[in-house]
Amino acid sequence: IAIDDGGFGGPSYSEELGEKIDAAIRQLSDEGYTLAIKLLMDNRACLDRLADELVEEETMSGTRLREIVKMYTEVPDKLAAV
């Protein structure tokens, strides 16, 4: 997504606004990274179990995946039917 095409003269917004945009994007990126790491760490046991089974079986049905995930966390009814 482009805020401004810029061209040869550069962007048509100030350097100060550019710095604010960069800071906001950096904050969103950092928050997303932090959340991703937290989710992976919080669900490490489940992910390890899934990985172990995939190493042994090579494939896994959606039903089996949901069975394993249910051992570690509550699966909302809406997702359980998928």
Protein backbone atom coordinates (compact mmCIF):
# COMPACT_ATOMS: atom_id res chain seq x y z
CA ILE A 1 0.00 0.00 0.00
CA ALA A 2 1.52 3.29 -1.04
CA ILE A 3 0.91 6.41 0.99
CA ASP A 4 2.37 8.52 -1.76
CA ASP A 5 4.04 7.66 -5.05
CA GLY A 6 6.72 10.25 -4.43
CA GLY A 7 8.46 10.25 -7.76
CA PHE A 8 11.66 12.13 -8.45
CA GLY A 9 10.89 14.80 -5.87
CA GLY A 10 10.28 12.30 -3.08
CA PRO A 11 7.13 12.02 -1.00
CA SER A 12 4.82 14.99 -0.74
CA TYR A 13 4.67 14.73 3.06
CA SER A 14 7.14 16.09 5.59
CA GLU A 15 10.10 14.23 6.99
CA GLU A 16 8.46 14.51 10.43
CA LEU A 17 5.31 12.78 9.15
CA GLY A 18 7.48 10.15 7.48
CA GLU A 19 9.20 9.47 10.79
CA LYS A 20 5.82 9.13 12.53
CA ILE A 21 4.66 6.70 9.85
CA ASP A 22 7.87 4.69 10.21
CA ALA A 23 7.46 4.60 14.01
CA ALA A 24 3.83 3.45 13.75
CA ILE A 25 4.75 0.71 11.28
CA ARG A 26 7.67 -0.38 13.48
CA GLN A 27 5.36 -0.53 16.52
CA LEU A 28 2.79 -2.65 14.65
CA SER A 29 5.53 -4.95 13.41
CA ASP A 30 7.08 -5.31 16.88
CA GLU A 31 3.67 -6.00 18.47
CA GLY A 32 2.88 -8.63 15.84
CA TYR A 33 6.26 -10.30 16.36
CA THR A 34 5.82 -10.30 20.14
CA LEU A 35 2.33 -11.79 19.86
CA ALA A 36 3.53 -14.48 17.43
CA ILE A 37 6.37 -15.50 19.77
CA LYS A 38 3.97 -15.60 22.74
CA LEU A 39 1.47 -17.77 20.84
CA LEU A 40 4.21 -20.18 19.78
CA MET A 41 5.63 -20.40 23.31
CA ASP A 42 2.20 -20.78 24.92
CA ASN A 43 1.31 -23.59 22.51
CA ARG A 44 4.71 -25.27 22.31
CA ALA A 45 3.57 -28.60 23.77
CA CYS A 46 0.73 -28.89 21.28
CA LEU A 47 2.97 -27.89 18.37
CA ASP A 48 5.59 -30.44 19.44
CA ARG A 49 2.93 -33.16 19.61
CA LEU A 50 1.66 -32.26 16.14
CA ALA A 51 5.21 -32.22 14.76
CA ASP A 52 6.02 -35.60 16.32
CA GLU A 53 2.93 -37.19 14.82
CA LEU A 54 3.62 -35.65 11.42
CA VAL A 55 7.18 -37.00 11.48
CA GLU A 56 5.77 -40.48 12.10
CA GLU A 57 2.74 -40.37 9.81
CA GLU A 58 3.71 -37.67 7.25
CA THR A 59 0.07 -36.59 6.84
CA MET A 60 -2.76 -35.74 9.20
CA SER A 61 -6.48 -35.33 8.69
CA GLY A 62 -8.27 -32.25 9.94
CA THR A 63 -10.17 -34.46 12.35
CA ARG A 64 -6.94 -35.79 13.86
CA LEU A 65 -5.47 -32.32 14.08
CA ARG A 66 -8.54 -31.11 16.00
CA GLU A 67 -8.35 -34.15 18.31
CA ILE A 68 -4.78 -33.31 19.25
CA VAL A 69 -5.44 -29.60 19.65
CA LYS A 70 -8.42 -30.38 21.92
CA MET A 71 -6.03 -32.21 24.25
CA TYR A 72 -4.22 -28.92 24.90
CA THR A 73 -6.86 -26.22 24.58
CA GLU A 74 -10.56 -25.63 24.23
CA VAL A 75 -11.68 -25.51 20.61
CA PRO A 76 -14.72 -23.27 20.05
CA ASP A 77 -17.74 -25.16 18.64
CA LYS A 78 -17.70 -22.96 15.54
CA LEU A 79 -14.15 -24.08 14.70
CA ALA A 80 -14.65 -27.70 15.78
CA ALA A 81 -17.16 -28.20 12.96
CA VAL A 82 -14.76 -26.97 10.27
